């Protein structure tokens, strides 16, 4: 769904910066983990950065 926009198309990169399923799979594979765990880690990191005021 270009995973970041939520359109429901996981393999469509609508814009250059979009994250697609292949990106997530590759990132997970680099660390011998499942894509869902990699996505959870990304969410946790973003949440922490927001709480710290690093991102808004």
Protein backbone atom coordinates (compact mmCIF):
# COMPACT_ATOMS: atom_id res chain seq x y z
CA UNK A 1 0.00 0.00 0.00
CA UNK A 2 3.02 1.80 -0.57
CA UNK A 3 3.11 0.78 3.06
CA UNK A 4 3.31 4.35 4.33
CA UNK A 5 0.16 5.78 2.66
CA UNK A 6 -2.34 3.02 3.40
CA UNK A 7 -3.77 2.79 -0.13
CA UNK A 8 -3.94 -1.01 0.01
CA UNK A 9 -1.37 -1.63 -2.74
CA UNK A 10 1.74 -2.96 -0.93
CA UNK A 11 3.93 -3.13 -4.04
CA UNK A 12 3.05 0.22 -5.67
CA UNK A 13 5.58 3.03 -5.16
CA UNK A 14 3.45 6.08 -5.97
CA UNK A 15 6.16 8.61 -5.13
CA UNK A 16 9.96 8.23 -4.88
CA UNK A 17 10.06 8.21 -1.08
CA UNK A 18 7.31 5.64 -0.56
CA UNK A 19 8.05 2.41 1.29
CA UNK A 20 6.86 -0.76 -0.44
CA UNK A 21 6.68 -4.37 0.68
CA UNK A 22 9.97 -5.26 -1.04
CA UNK A 23 11.74 -2.55 1.00
CA UNK A 24 10.32 -3.91 4.24
CA UNK A 25 11.18 -7.51 3.33
CA UNK A 26 14.76 -6.53 2.44
CA UNK A 27 15.21 -4.60 5.69
CA UNK A 28 13.85 -7.54 7.70
CA UNK A 29 15.99 -10.06 5.85
CA UNK A 30 19.13 -7.99 6.58
CA UNK A 31 18.55 -8.72 10.27
CA UNK A 32 17.11 -12.24 10.01
CA UNK A 33 13.65 -11.20 11.17
CA UNK A 34 10.10 -11.29 9.89
CA UNK A 35 8.77 -8.22 8.04
CA UNK A 36 6.12 -7.73 10.73
CA UNK A 37 8.83 -7.44 13.41
CA UNK A 38 10.73 -4.93 11.29
CA UNK A 39 7.54 -2.88 10.86
CA UNK A 40 6.89 -3.05 14.62
CA UNK A 41 10.44 -1.83 15.27
CA UNK A 42 9.98 1.07 12.85
CA UNK A 43 6.73 2.04 14.56
CA UNK A 44 8.31 1.83 18.03
CA UNK A 45 11.24 3.98 16.94
CA UNK A 46 8.97 6.60 15.36
CA UNK A 47 6.78 6.70 18.47
CA UNK A 48 9.81 7.18 20.72
CA UNK A 49 11.23 9.91 18.49
CA UNK A 50 7.88 11.71 18.54
CA UNK A 51 7.68 11.50 22.34
CA UNK A 52 11.21 12.93 22.56
CA UNK A 53 10.25 15.79 20.24
CA UNK A 54 12.75 14.73 17.58
CA UNK A 55 9.95 14.37 15.02
CA UNK A 56 6.45 15.80 15.00
